[in-house]
Amino acid sequence: MNKKILIILGVIVAIAAVGAAAMMFSASLPNDDADKSKIDILGNGTIAENGTLNVKLSNSEGIALKDKDIHLSIKDSNGSVVFEKSAKTFVNGVANIKIENVSAGEYEVNATFNGDKNHSASSVSEKLVINGTDDNSTDDSSTSSDDTSGDTGSTDDSAQSSSQSSSSSYSYRPSYNGGPSYDGGSSSDGGSSSDGGSDSGSDSQSGGDDTPQTDPQN
């Protein structure tokens, strides 16, 4: 009697073990009914040293998927992994991952979502350029130099315009009534006073003619 009970219990345990193994195996298989996911690395593929990469995860309808694990890895030109980090997506479906201790240069970045029971796995790989901090300062210096040269050109144009305006304000015009004269000056009218002087001289001469003459017979 006891032997039969042991046999029955052994069969039950074996069936349970087989059932658990089958469930685990089926869970590891891809879910054909799962919604497809899509992963994108935002930006233009260029960041500064110690900058942040933003990765967005969405479903087949473009709806953001939150609280999902995103794994990011960066490889150099030799294929060696120089950076790895994981982060969860926010309510907008974006995971923010700061890239630290990676020097300036060109790399390959890979972002991966391993999927879950409702969404399929997805991944994306792109070229990534990390700029050094000195590049920005060089660009600012160049821009400042261009602005300065532009201001100098403007000053030269202003000085030239002022010189032309000054030279065109005065013109020489000879005066035949009393010396040289300039347009716009009151001194040119003074030349007419010389004419008056001539008239005065004429009057003095005619005054001499009024002197009485002596009769030679007396």
N, C-alpha and C. Protein backbone atom coordinates (compact mmCIF):
# COMPACT_ATOMS: atom_id res chain seq x y z
N MET A 1 0.84 -1.21 0.00
CA MET A 1 0.00 0.00 0.00
C MET A 1 0.86 1.25 0.00
N ASN A 2 1.82 1.27 0.83
CA ASN A 2 2.72 2.42 0.89
C ASN A 2 3.55 2.54 -0.39
N LYS A 3 3.86 1.41 -0.98
CA LYS A 3 4.64 1.42 -2.21
C LYS A 3 3.86 2.05 -3.35
N LYS A 4 2.57 1.76 -3.43
CA LYS A 4 1.74 2.36 -4.47
C LYS A 4 1.63 3.87 -4.30
N ILE A 5 1.53 4.31 -3.07
CA ILE A 5 1.44 5.76 -2.81
C ILE A 5 2.73 6.47 -3.24
N LEU A 6 3.83 5.86 -2.98
CA LEU A 6 5.11 6.45 -3.38
C LEU A 6 5.24 6.54 -4.88
N ILE A 7 4.76 5.51 -5.56
CA ILE A 7 4.81 5.53 -7.02
C ILE A 7 3.94 6.65 -7.58
N ILE A 8 2.75 6.79 -7.01
CA ILE A 8 1.84 7.86 -7.47
C ILE A 8 2.44 9.23 -7.23
N LEU A 9 3.01 9.41 -6.07
CA LEU A 9 3.64 10.71 -5.76
C LEU A 9 4.81 10.99 -6.70
N GLY A 10 5.56 9.97 -7.04
CA GLY A 10 6.69 10.14 -7.96
C GLY A 10 6.22 10.55 -9.34
N VAL A 11 5.11 9.94 -9.79
CA VAL A 11 4.56 10.30 -11.11
C VAL A 11 4.08 11.76 -11.11
N ILE A 12 3.44 12.16 -10.03
CA ILE A 12 2.94 13.55 -9.94
C ILE A 12 4.09 14.56 -9.98
N VAL A 13 5.14 14.25 -9.25
CA VAL A 13 6.31 15.15 -9.24
C VAL A 13 6.93 15.22 -10.62
N ALA A 14 7.02 14.11 -11.31
CA ALA A 14 7.61 14.09 -12.64
C ALA A 14 6.78 14.91 -13.62
N ILE A 15 5.48 14.78 -13.52
CA ILE A 15 4.59 15.55 -14.40
C ILE A 15 4.72 17.05 -14.13
N ALA A 16 4.80 17.40 -12.87
CA ALA A 16 4.95 18.80 -12.51
C ALA A 16 6.26 19.38 -13.03
N ALA A 17 7.32 18.59 -12.94
CA ALA A 17 8.62 19.05 -13.41
C ALA A 17 8.62 19.24 -14.92
N VAL A 18 8.01 18.31 -15.62
CA VAL A 18 7.92 18.43 -17.08
C VAL A 18 7.10 19.65 -17.47
N GLY A 19 6.01 19.89 -16.76
CA GLY A 19 5.17 21.04 -17.05
C GLY A 19 5.89 22.36 -16.82
N ALA A 20 6.64 22.45 -15.75
CA ALA A 20 7.40 23.67 -15.45
C ALA A 20 8.47 23.93 -16.50
N ALA A 21 9.14 22.87 -16.92
CA ALA A 21 10.17 23.01 -17.95
C ALA A 21 9.57 23.47 -19.26
N ALA A 22 8.40 22.93 -19.60
CA ALA A 22 7.73 23.33 -20.83
C ALA A 22 7.33 24.80 -20.81
N MET A 23 6.87 25.25 -19.64
CA MET A 23 6.48 26.66 -19.51
C MET A 23 7.69 27.57 -19.65
N MET A 24 8.78 27.20 -19.04
CA MET A 24 10.00 28.00 -19.14
C MET A 24 10.51 28.03 -20.57
N PHE A 25 10.44 26.95 -21.26
CA PHE A 25 10.90 26.90 -22.65
C PHE A 25 10.03 27.76 -23.55
N SER A 26 8.74 27.69 -23.34
CA SER A 26 7.84 28.49 -24.17
C SER A 26 8.00 29.99 -23.91
N ALA A 27 8.33 30.31 -22.66
CA ALA A 27 8.52 31.72 -22.33
C ALA A 27 9.76 32.29 -23.01
N SER A 28 10.75 31.43 -23.23
CA SER A 28 11.98 31.89 -23.87
C SER A 28 11.84 32.05 -25.38
N LEU A 29 10.82 31.46 -25.95
CA LEU A 29 10.60 31.57 -27.38
C LEU A 29 10.02 32.94 -27.73
N PRO A 30 10.33 33.47 -28.92
CA PRO A 30 9.76 34.76 -29.33
C PRO A 30 8.24 34.70 -29.37
N ASN A 31 7.65 35.80 -28.92
CA ASN A 31 6.19 35.89 -28.93
C ASN A 31 5.73 36.47 -30.26
N ASP A 32 5.14 35.62 -31.08
CA ASP A 32 4.72 36.08 -32.40
C ASP A 32 3.60 37.11 -32.31
N ASP A 33 2.88 37.09 -31.22
CA ASP A 33 1.77 38.03 -31.06
C ASP A 33 2.21 39.35 -30.42
N ALA A 34 3.45 39.44 -30.01
CA ALA A 34 3.93 40.65 -29.35
C ALA A 34 3.98 41.81 -30.34
N ASP A 35 3.71 43.00 -29.82
CA ASP A 35 3.76 44.20 -30.64
C ASP A 35 5.21 44.54 -30.97
N LYS A 36 5.46 44.92 -32.19
CA LYS A 36 6.82 45.27 -32.59
C LYS A 36 7.24 46.60 -31.94
N SER A 37 8.50 46.66 -31.54
CA SER A 37 9.04 47.89 -30.96
C SER A 37 10.02 48.53 -31.94
N LYS A 38 10.24 49.82 -31.74
CA LYS A 38 11.18 50.56 -32.58
C LYS A 38 12.04 51.43 -31.69
N ILE A 39 13.33 51.39 -31.92
CA ILE A 39 14.27 52.16 -31.11
C ILE A 39 15.04 53.13 -32.00
N ASP A 40 15.20 54.37 -31.54
CA ASP A 40 15.88 55.41 -32.31
C ASP A 40 16.85 56.16 -31.41
N ILE A 41 18.02 56.48 -31.97
CA ILE A 41 18.98 57.35 -31.29
C ILE A 41 18.73 58.77 -31.78
N LEU A 42 18.32 59.65 -30.88
CA LEU A 42 17.96 61.01 -31.26
C LEU A 42 19.21 61.87 -31.47
N GLY A 43 19.04 62.98 -32.21
CA GLY A 43 20.14 63.89 -32.47
C GLY A 43 20.73 63.68 -33.85
N ASN A 44 21.86 64.35 -34.08
CA ASN A 44 22.50 64.30 -35.41
C ASN A 44 23.76 63.44 -35.43
N GLY A 45 23.94 62.62 -34.39
CA GLY A 45 25.10 61.74 -34.36
C GLY A 45 26.37 62.39 -33.87
N THR A 46 26.25 63.57 -33.26
CA THR A 46 27.41 64.30 -32.75
C THR A 46 27.12 64.84 -31.35
N ILE A 47 28.03 64.59 -30.41
CA ILE A 47 27.91 65.13 -29.06
C ILE A 47 29.28 65.62 -28.61
N ALA A 48 29.29 66.41 -27.53
CA ALA A 48 30.54 66.86 -26.94
C ALA A 48 31.01 65.83 -25.92
N GLU A 49 32.26 65.96 -25.52
CA GLU A 49 32.77 65.07 -24.49
C GLU A 49 31.92 65.17 -23.22
N ASN A 50 31.66 64.04 -22.61
CA ASN A 50 30.79 63.95 -21.42
C ASN A 50 29.38 64.44 -21.71
N GLY A 51 28.98 64.33 -22.96
CA GLY A 51 27.62 64.71 -23.35
C GLY A 51 26.63 63.58 -23.10
N THR A 52 25.38 63.80 -23.50
CA THR A 52 24.30 62.84 -23.25
C THR A 52 23.67 62.39 -24.56
N LEU A 53 23.46 61.08 -24.66
CA LEU A 53 22.73 60.51 -25.80
C LEU A 53 21.30 60.21 -25.36
N ASN A 54 20.36 60.54 -26.22
CA ASN A 54 18.95 60.29 -25.95
C ASN A 54 18.44 59.20 -26.90
N VAL A 55 17.87 58.15 -26.30
CA VAL A 55 17.36 57.01 -27.07
C VAL A 55 15.86 56.89 -26.82
N LYS A 56 15.08 56.80 -27.91
CA LYS A 56 13.62 56.72 -27.77
C LYS A 56 13.12 55.34 -28.20
N LEU A 57 12.18 54.83 -27.41
CA LEU A 57 11.56 53.53 -27.69
C LEU A 57 10.06 53.72 -27.86
N SER A 58 9.53 53.13 -28.94
CA SER A 58 8.09 53.25 -29.21
C SER A 58 7.59 51.94 -29.80
N ASN A 59 6.26 51.81 -29.86
CA ASN A 59 5.69 50.59 -30.44
C ASN A 59 5.43 50.79 -31.93
N SER A 60 4.76 49.84 -32.54
CA SER A 60 4.53 49.89 -33.99
C SER A 60 3.66 51.07 -34.40
N GLU A 61 2.90 51.61 -33.45
CA GLU A 61 2.03 52.76 -33.76
C GLU A 61 2.68 54.08 -33.39
N GLY A 62 3.93 54.05 -32.95
CA GLY A 62 4.64 55.27 -32.60
C GLY A 62 4.36 55.76 -31.19
N ILE A 63 3.68 54.95 -30.38
CA ILE A 63 3.38 55.34 -29.01
C ILE A 63 4.59 55.05 -28.12
N ALA A 64 4.97 56.02 -27.29
CA ALA A 64 6.14 55.88 -26.44
C ALA A 64 5.95 54.75 -25.43
N LEU A 65 7.03 54.02 -25.18
CA LEU A 65 7.02 52.93 -24.20
C LEU A 65 7.85 53.36 -23.00
N LYS A 66 7.23 53.44 -21.85
CA LYS A 66 7.93 53.88 -20.64
C LYS A 66 8.36 52.69 -19.79
N ASP A 67 9.31 52.98 -18.88
CA ASP A 67 9.82 51.98 -17.93
C ASP A 67 10.40 50.74 -18.63
N LYS A 68 11.06 50.94 -19.76
CA LYS A 68 11.70 49.84 -20.48
C LYS A 68 13.22 50.01 -20.41
N ASP A 69 13.92 48.91 -20.27
CA ASP A 69 15.38 48.94 -20.16
C ASP A 69 16.03 49.08 -21.53
N ILE A 70 16.89 50.10 -21.67
CA ILE A 70 17.66 50.32 -22.89
C ILE A 70 19.14 50.11 -22.57
N HIS A 71 19.78 49.28 -23.36
CA HIS A 71 21.22 49.03 -23.17
C HIS A 71 21.99 49.73 -24.29
N LEU A 72 23.00 50.51 -23.88
CA LEU A 72 23.80 51.28 -24.84
C LEU A 72 25.26 50.85 -24.75
N SER A 73 25.88 50.62 -25.91
CA SER A 73 27.30 50.29 -25.95
C SER A 73 27.98 51.09 -27.06
N ILE A 74 29.25 51.44 -26.82
CA ILE A 74 30.01 52.22 -27.79
C ILE A 74 31.32 51.48 -28.08
N LYS A 75 31.62 51.33 -29.37
CA LYS A 75 32.83 50.65 -29.79
C LYS A 75 33.73 51.61 -30.55
N ASP A 76 35.05 51.45 -30.40
CA ASP A 76 35.98 52.28 -31.15
C ASP A 76 36.25 51.66 -32.52
N SER A 77 37.21 52.23 -33.26
CA SER A 77 37.48 51.77 -34.63
C SER A 77 38.04 50.35 -34.67
N ASN A 78 38.55 49.88 -33.55
CA ASN A 78 39.08 48.52 -33.48
C ASN A 78 38.04 47.50 -33.05
N GLY A 79 36.83 47.96 -32.79
CA GLY A 79 35.78 47.05 -32.36
C GLY A 79 35.75 46.78 -30.87
N SER A 80 36.58 47.47 -30.13
CA SER A 80 36.62 47.28 -28.67
C SER A 80 35.54 48.14 -28.01
N VAL A 81 34.85 47.55 -27.03
CA VAL A 81 33.82 48.28 -26.31
C VAL A 81 34.48 49.24 -25.32
N VAL A 82 34.21 50.53 -25.47
CA VAL A 82 34.80 51.55 -24.60
C VAL A 82 33.78 52.12 -23.61
N PHE A 83 32.49 51.78 -23.82
CA PHE A 83 31.47 52.31 -22.91
C PHE A 83 30.24 51.42 -22.98
N GLU A 84 29.65 51.16 -21.80
CA GLU A 84 28.40 50.41 -21.70
C GLU A 84 27.58 50.96 -20.54
N LYS A 85 26.28 51.07 -20.78
CA LYS A 85 25.41 51.54 -19.71
C LYS A 85 23.96 51.25 -20.08
N SER A 86 23.13 51.04 -19.06
CA SER A 86 21.69 50.80 -19.27
C SER A 86 20.89 51.87 -18.53
N ALA A 87 19.72 52.17 -19.05
CA ALA A 87 18.84 53.16 -18.42
C ALA A 87 17.40 52.84 -18.81
N LYS A 88 16.48 53.29 -17.97
CA LYS A 88 15.05 53.10 -18.24
C LYS A 88 14.47 54.30 -18.99
N THR A 89 13.48 54.03 -19.81
CA THR A 89 12.80 55.10 -20.54
C THR A 89 11.81 55.82 -19.61
N PHE A 90 11.66 57.13 -19.86
CA PHE A 90 10.70 57.92 -19.10
C PHE A 90 9.32 57.80 -19.76
N VAL A 91 8.38 58.60 -19.26
CA VAL A 91 7.01 58.53 -19.78
C VAL A 91 6.95 58.91 -21.25
N ASN A 92 7.90 59.69 -21.73
CA ASN A 92 7.94 60.06 -23.15
C ASN A 92 8.68 59.04 -24.00
N GLY A 93 9.09 57.91 -23.38
CA GLY A 93 9.77 56.86 -24.11
C GLY A 93 11.24 57.10 -24.34
N VAL A 94 11.80 58.15 -23.74
CA VAL A 94 13.20 58.51 -23.98
C VAL A 94 14.05 58.15 -22.76
N ALA A 95 15.17 57.51 -23.02
CA ALA A 95 16.17 57.22 -22.00
C ALA A 95 17.36 58.13 -22.22
N ASN A 96 17.81 58.80 -21.16
CA ASN A 96 18.94 59.72 -21.23
C ASN A 96 20.17 59.03 -20.65
N ILE A 97 21.20 58.90 -21.47
CA ILE A 97 22.42 58.20 -21.04
C ILE A 97 23.61 59.12 -21.25
N LYS A 98 24.28 59.48 -20.15
CA LYS A 98 25.45 60.35 -20.22
C LYS A 98 26.68 59.52 -20.58
N ILE A 99 27.42 59.99 -21.58
CA ILE A 99 28.62 59.28 -22.05
C ILE A 99 29.83 59.87 -21.32
N GLU A 100 30.39 59.10 -20.42
CA GLU A 100 31.51 59.58 -19.61
C GLU A 100 32.79 58.81 -19.91
N ASN A 101 33.91 59.55 -19.73
CA ASN A 101 35.25 58.94 -19.87
C ASN A 101 35.48 58.33 -21.25
N VAL A 102 34.95 58.98 -22.27
CA VAL A 102 35.21 58.58 -23.66
C VAL A 102 35.81 59.78 -24.37
N SER A 103 37.02 59.63 -24.88
CA SER A 103 37.73 60.74 -25.51
C SER A 103 37.12 61.08 -26.87
N ALA A 104 37.49 62.25 -27.37
CA ALA A 104 36.98 62.71 -28.66
C ALA A 104 37.42 61.77 -29.77
N GLY A 105 36.54 61.58 -30.75
CA GLY A 105 36.84 60.71 -31.87
C GLY A 105 35.58 60.16 -32.50
N GLU A 106 35.75 59.21 -33.43
CA GLU A 106 34.63 58.59 -34.12
C GLU A 106 34.41 57.18 -33.58
N TYR A 107 33.14 56.85 -33.33
CA TYR A 107 32.80 55.56 -32.73
C TYR A 107 31.54 54.98 -33.40
N GLU A 108 31.22 53.75 -32.99
CA GLU A 108 29.96 53.13 -33.37
C GLU A 108 29.15 52.91 -32.10
N VAL A 109 27.92 53.41 -32.09
CA VAL A 109 27.06 53.28 -30.92
C VAL A 109 25.91 52.32 -31.24
N ASN A 110 25.58 51.46 -30.28
CA ASN A 110 24.50 50.49 -30.45
C ASN A 110 23.54 50.60 -29.28
N ALA A 111 22.25 50.75 -29.58
CA ALA A 111 21.21 50.80 -28.56
C ALA A 111 20.30 49.58 -28.75
N THR A 112 19.99 48.89 -27.65
CA THR A 112 19.24 47.64 -27.72
C THR A 112 18.12 47.59 -26.69
N PHE A 113 16.97 47.11 -27.14
CA PHE A 113 15.86 46.77 -26.25
C PHE A 113 15.62 45.27 -26.41
N ASN A 114 15.71 44.52 -25.30
CA ASN A 114 15.63 43.05 -25.38
C ASN A 114 14.21 42.52 -25.51
N GLY A 115 13.23 43.41 -25.44
CA GLY A 115 11.85 42.98 -25.58
C GLY A 115 11.26 42.47 -24.28
N ASP A 116 9.93 42.25 -24.26
CA ASP A 116 9.23 41.67 -23.12
C ASP A 116 8.03 40.88 -23.64
N LYS A 117 7.13 40.49 -22.75
CA LYS A 117 6.02 39.65 -23.17
C LYS A 117 5.04 40.37 -24.10
N ASN A 118 5.09 41.70 -24.10
CA ASN A 118 4.16 42.45 -24.93
C ASN A 118 4.80 43.11 -26.15
N HIS A 119 6.13 43.21 -26.13
CA HIS A 119 6.82 43.93 -27.22
C HIS A 119 8.04 43.15 -27.67
N SER A 120 8.27 43.17 -28.96
CA SER A 120 9.41 42.46 -29.52
C SER A 120 10.71 43.23 -29.27
N ALA A 121 11.82 42.53 -29.39
CA ALA A 121 13.13 43.15 -29.23
C ALA A 121 13.46 44.02 -30.45
N SER A 122 14.32 45.01 -30.22
CA SER A 122 14.75 45.88 -31.33
C SER A 122 16.11 46.48 -30.98
N SER A 123 16.84 46.88 -32.00
CA SER A 123 18.17 47.48 -31.80
C SER A 123 18.50 48.39 -32.97
N VAL A 124 19.45 49.28 -32.76
CA VAL A 124 19.90 50.19 -33.82
C VAL A 124 21.36 50.51 -33.60
N SER A 125 22.11 50.66 -34.69
CA SER A 125 23.53 51.02 -34.63
C SER A 125 23.78 52.22 -35.54
N GLU A 126 24.57 53.15 -35.06
CA GLU A 126 24.88 54.35 -35.83
C GLU A 126 26.31 54.79 -35.57
N LYS A 127 26.80 55.66 -36.45
CA LYS A 127 28.09 56.29 -36.25
C LYS A 127 27.94 57.43 -35.25
N LEU A 128 28.89 57.56 -34.35
CA LEU A 128 28.85 58.61 -33.34
C LEU A 128 30.17 59.38 -33.36
N VAL A 129 30.07 60.70 -33.40
CA VAL A 129 31.25 61.58 -33.34
C VAL A 129 31.22 62.33 -32.02
N ILE A 130 32.31 62.22 -31.27
CA ILE A 130 32.44 62.95 -30.01
C ILE A 130 33.46 64.06 -30.21
N ASN A 131 33.01 65.31 -30.03
CA ASN A 131 33.88 66.47 -30.22
C ASN A 131 34.56 66.85 -28.92
N GLY A 132 35.83 67.26 -29.02
CA GLY A 132 36.54 67.74 -27.84
C GLY A 132 36.05 69.12 -27.45
N THR A 133 36.28 69.51 -26.21
CA THR A 133 35.82 70.80 -25.72
C THR A 133 36.55 71.95 -26.37
N ASP A 134 37.78 71.73 -26.89
CA ASP A 134 38.54 72.81 -27.52
C ASP A 134 37.94 73.23 -28.84
N ASP A 135 37.18 72.35 -29.49
CA ASP A 135 36.60 72.67 -30.80
C ASP A 135 35.64 73.84 -30.70
N ASN A 136 34.83 73.87 -29.64
CA ASN A 136 33.85 74.95 -29.49
C ASN A 136 34.53 76.28 -29.26
N SER A 137 35.62 76.29 -28.43
CA SER A 137 36.30 77.55 -28.16
C SER A 137 36.95 78.10 -29.41
N THR A 138 37.47 77.21 -30.27
CA THR A 138 38.08 77.64 -31.53
C THR A 138 37.06 78.30 -32.44
N ASP A 139 35.87 77.70 -32.51
CA ASP A 139 34.83 78.27 -33.36
C ASP A 139 34.42 79.64 -32.85
N ASP A 140 34.32 79.81 -31.50
CA ASP A 140 33.93 81.10 -30.95
C ASP A 140 34.96 82.15 -31.26
N SER A 141 36.26 81.78 -31.17
CA SER A 141 37.33 82.73 -31.45
C SER A 141 37.28 83.18 -32.90
N SER A 142 37.03 82.24 -33.81
CA SER A 142 36.94 82.56 -35.23
C SER A 142 35.79 83.50 -35.51
N THR A 143 34.66 83.24 -34.87
CA THR A 143 33.49 84.09 -35.06
C THR A 143 33.76 85.49 -34.57
N SER A 144 34.43 85.61 -33.40
CA SER A 144 34.74 86.92 -32.83
C SER A 144 35.65 87.70 -33.74
N SER A 145 36.63 87.01 -34.36
CA SER A 145 37.56 87.66 -35.28
C SER A 145 36.84 88.20 -36.50
N ASP A 146 35.90 87.42 -37.03
CA ASP A 146 35.13 87.85 -38.19
C ASP A 146 34.30 89.08 -37.86
N ASP A 147 33.70 89.10 -36.67
CA ASP A 147 32.88 90.25 -36.28
C ASP A 147 33.73 91.51 -36.18
N THR A 148 34.97 91.38 -35.63
CA THR A 148 35.84 92.53 -35.46
C THR A 148 36.24 93.10 -36.81
N SER A 149 36.59 92.20 -37.76
CA SER A 149 36.99 92.67 -39.07
C SER A 149 35.84 93.35 -39.78
N GLY A 150 34.63 92.88 -39.54
CA GLY A 150 33.46 93.50 -40.13
C GLY A 150 33.25 94.90 -39.62
N ASP A 151 33.48 95.11 -38.29
CA ASP A 151 33.32 96.43 -37.70
C ASP A 151 34.36 97.40 -38.25
N THR A 152 35.61 96.92 -38.48
CA THR A 152 36.67 97.77 -39.01
C THR A 152 36.32 98.26 -40.40
N GLY A 153 35.77 97.34 -41.21
CA GLY A 153 35.37 97.74 -42.56
C GLY A 153 34.31 98.80 -42.53
N SER A 154 33.39 98.71 -41.59
CA SER A 154 32.33 99.69 -41.46
C SER A 154 32.89 101.04 -41.08
N THR A 155 33.92 101.03 -40.16
CA THR A 155 34.54 102.29 -39.73
C THR A 155 35.25 102.97 -40.88
N ASP A 156 35.98 102.16 -41.71
CA ASP A 156 36.68 102.73 -42.86
C ASP A 156 35.70 103.36 -43.83
N ASP A 157 34.58 102.70 -44.08
CA ASP A 157 33.58 103.25 -44.99
C ASP A 157 33.04 104.56 -44.46
N SER A 158 32.84 104.65 -43.14
CA SER A 158 32.31 105.86 -42.54
C SER A 158 33.28 107.00 -42.68
N ALA A 159 34.61 106.73 -42.46
CA ALA A 159 35.63 107.76 -42.56
C ALA A 159 35.73 108.27 -43.99
N GLN A 160 35.66 107.32 -44.96
CA GLN A 160 35.74 107.71 -46.37
C GLN A 160 34.56 108.58 -46.75
N SER A 161 33.36 108.21 -46.28
CA SER A 161 32.16 108.98 -46.58
C SER A 161 32.25 110.37 -46.00
N SER A 162 32.82 110.49 -44.75
CA SER A 162 32.95 111.79 -44.10
C SER A 162 33.91 112.67 -44.85
N SER A 163 35.02 112.05 -45.37
CA SER A 163 36.02 112.81 -46.11
C SER A 163 35.43 113.37 -47.41
N GLN A 164 34.64 112.52 -48.10
CA GLN A 164 34.03 112.98 -49.34
C GLN A 164 33.03 114.09 -49.08
N SER A 165 32.28 113.97 -47.98
CA SER A 165 31.29 115.00 -47.65
C SER A 165 31.96 116.31 -47.33
N SER A 166 33.14 116.25 -46.61
CA SER A 166 33.84 117.46 -46.23
C SER A 166 34.41 118.17 -47.45
N SER A 167 34.96 117.38 -48.38
CA SER A 167 35.58 117.98 -49.56
C SER A 167 34.56 118.58 -50.50
N SER A 168 33.33 118.03 -50.49
CA SER A 168 32.32 118.55 -51.40
C SER A 168 31.59 119.76 -50.83
N SER A 169 31.85 120.14 -49.57
CA SER A 169 31.16 121.26 -48.94
C SER A 169 31.78 122.59 -49.34
N TYR A 170 33.02 122.57 -49.79
CA TYR A 170 33.71 123.81 -50.16
C TYR A 170 34.21 123.72 -51.58
N SER A 171 34.07 124.81 -52.33
CA SER A 171 34.63 124.88 -53.69
C SER A 171 35.18 126.26 -53.92
N TYR A 172 36.30 126.33 -54.57
CA TYR A 172 36.98 127.61 -54.81
C TYR A 172 36.35 128.31 -56.00
N ARG A 173 36.10 129.62 -55.81
CA ARG A 173 35.55 130.44 -56.90
C ARG A 173 36.26 131.78 -56.87
N PRO A 174 36.96 132.11 -57.94
CA PRO A 174 37.69 133.40 -57.95
C PRO A 174 36.72 134.58 -57.94
N SER A 175 37.11 135.61 -57.23
CA SER A 175 36.30 136.83 -57.19
C SER A 175 37.07 137.96 -57.85
N TYR A 176 36.43 138.59 -58.72
CA TYR A 176 37.07 139.69 -59.45
C TYR A 176 36.83 141.03 -58.80
N ASN A 177 36.13 141.04 -57.70
CA ASN A 177 35.79 142.30 -57.04
C ASN A 177 36.52 142.49 -55.73
N GLY A 178 37.40 141.56 -55.33
CA GLY A 178 38.06 141.77 -54.05
C GLY A 178 38.75 140.55 -53.52
N GLY A 179 39.31 139.70 -54.32
CA GLY A 179 40.07 138.57 -53.82
C GLY A 179 39.29 137.28 -53.94
N PRO A 180 39.94 136.25 -53.55
CA PRO A 180 39.32 134.91 -53.67
C PRO A 180 38.13 134.78 -52.74
N SER A 181 37.24 133.94 -53.18
CA SER A 181 36.02 133.75 -52.39
C SER A 181 35.63 132.29 -52.42
N TYR A 182 34.88 131.82 -51.39
CA TYR A 182 34.42 130.45 -51.29
C TYR A 182 32.91 130.45 -51.22
N ASP A 183 32.34 129.46 -51.84
CA ASP A 183 30.88 129.32 -51.81
C ASP A 183 30.40 129.21 -50.37
N GLY A 184 29.34 129.82 -50.06
CA GLY A 184 28.77 129.70 -48.75
C GLY A 184 29.35 130.71 -47.78
N GLY A 185 30.42 131.44 -48.10
CA GLY A 185 31.05 132.38 -47.17
C GLY A 185 30.52 133.77 -47.36
N SER A 186 30.44 134.56 -46.29
CA SER A 186 29.93 135.92 -46.37
C SER A 186 30.98 136.87 -46.90
N SER A 187 32.28 136.35 -46.92
CA SER A 187 33.35 137.24 -47.35
C SER A 187 33.24 137.57 -48.82
N SER A 188 32.53 136.76 -49.62
CA SER A 188 32.43 137.03 -51.05
C SER A 188 31.64 138.30 -51.30
N ASP A 189 30.72 138.60 -50.39
CA ASP A 189 29.94 139.82 -50.57
C ASP A 189 30.77 141.05 -50.29
N GLY A 190 31.87 140.82 -49.50
CA GLY A 190 32.71 141.97 -49.17
C GLY A 190 33.39 142.53 -50.38
N GLY A 191 33.52 141.73 -51.43
CA GLY A 191 34.17 142.22 -52.63
C GLY A 191 33.42 143.40 -53.21
N SER A 192 32.11 143.47 -53.02
CA SER A 192 31.34 144.56 -53.58
C SER A 192 31.69 145.88 -52.92
N SER A 193 32.28 145.75 -51.65
CA SER A 193 32.64 147.00 -50.98
C SER A 193 33.79 147.69 -51.70
N SER A 194 34.59 146.89 -52.43
CA SER A 194 35.69 147.50 -53.20
C SER A 194 35.13 148.36 -54.30
N ASP A 195 33.99 147.91 -54.86
CA ASP A 195 33.38 148.74 -55.89
C ASP A 195 32.96 150.07 -55.30
N GLY A 196 32.48 149.96 -54.05
CA GLY A 196 32.08 151.19 -53.39
C GLY A 196 33.25 152.11 -53.21
N GLY A 197 34.44 151.53 -52.92
CA GLY A 197 35.63 152.35 -52.75
C GLY A 197 35.98 153.07 -54.03
N SER A 198 35.80 152.42 -55.13
CA SER A 198 36.10 153.05 -56.42
C SER A 198 35.17 154.21 -56.67
N ASP A 199 33.92 154.02 -56.32
CA ASP A 199 32.96 155.10 -56.51
C ASP A 199 33.32 156.28 -55.65
N SER A 200 33.85 156.01 -54.43
CA SER A 200 34.21 157.10 -53.54
C SER A 200 35.37 157.88 -54.12
N GLY A 201 36.30 157.13 -54.74
CA GLY A 201 37.44 157.81 -55.36
C GLY A 201 36.99 158.71 -56.49
N SER A 202 36.01 158.25 -57.22
CA SER A 202 35.50 159.07 -58.33
C SER A 202 34.87 160.32 -57.81
N ASP A 203 34.18 160.20 -56.69
CA ASP A 203 33.52 161.36 -56.12
C ASP A 203 34.54 162.38 -55.67
N SER A 204 35.69 161.94 -55.12
CA SER A 204 36.72 162.87 -54.65
C SER A 204 37.30 163.64 -55.82
N GLN A 205 37.47 163.03 -56.96
CA GLN A 205 38.05 163.68 -58.13
C GLN A 205 37.12 164.74 -58.67
N SER A 206 35.84 164.38 -58.68
CA SER A 206 34.89 165.38 -59.20
C SER A 206 34.78 166.54 -58.24
N GLY A 207 35.05 166.30 -56.95
CA GLY A 207 35.02 167.39 -55.99
C GLY A 207 36.11 168.38 -56.28
N GLY A 208 37.26 167.97 -56.76
CA GLY A 208 38.35 168.89 -57.11
C GLY A 208 37.96 169.81 -58.23
N ASP A 209 37.10 169.44 -59.09
CA ASP A 209 36.68 170.28 -60.21
C ASP A 209 35.84 171.45 -59.72
N ASP A 210 35.28 171.38 -58.54
CA ASP A 210 34.43 172.47 -58.02
C ASP A 210 35.23 173.61 -57.45
N THR A 211 36.59 173.59 -57.39
CA THR A 211 37.44 174.66 -56.82
C THR A 211 37.40 175.88 -57.74
N PRO A 212 37.13 177.13 -57.22
CA PRO A 212 37.02 178.33 -58.10
C PRO A 212 38.36 178.66 -58.73
N GLN A 213 38.33 179.12 -60.03
CA GLN A 213 39.55 179.46 -60.76
C GLN A 213 39.73 180.97 -60.79
N THR A 214 41.04 181.46 -60.83
CA THR A 214 41.35 182.91 -60.84
C THR A 214 41.30 183.45 -62.26
N ASP A 215 40.69 184.66 -62.44
CA ASP A 215 40.60 185.30 -63.76
C ASP A 215 41.95 185.87 -64.09
N PRO A 216 42.58 185.49 -65.19
CA PRO A 216 43.93 185.99 -65.53
C PRO A 216 43.96 187.48 -65.82
N GLN A 217 42.85 188.11 -66.21
CA GLN A 217 42.88 189.54 -66.50
C GLN A 217 42.98 190.35 -65.24
N ASN A 218 42.52 189.78 -64.09
CA ASN A 218 42.64 190.54 -62.84
C ASN A 218 44.01 190.35 -62.23
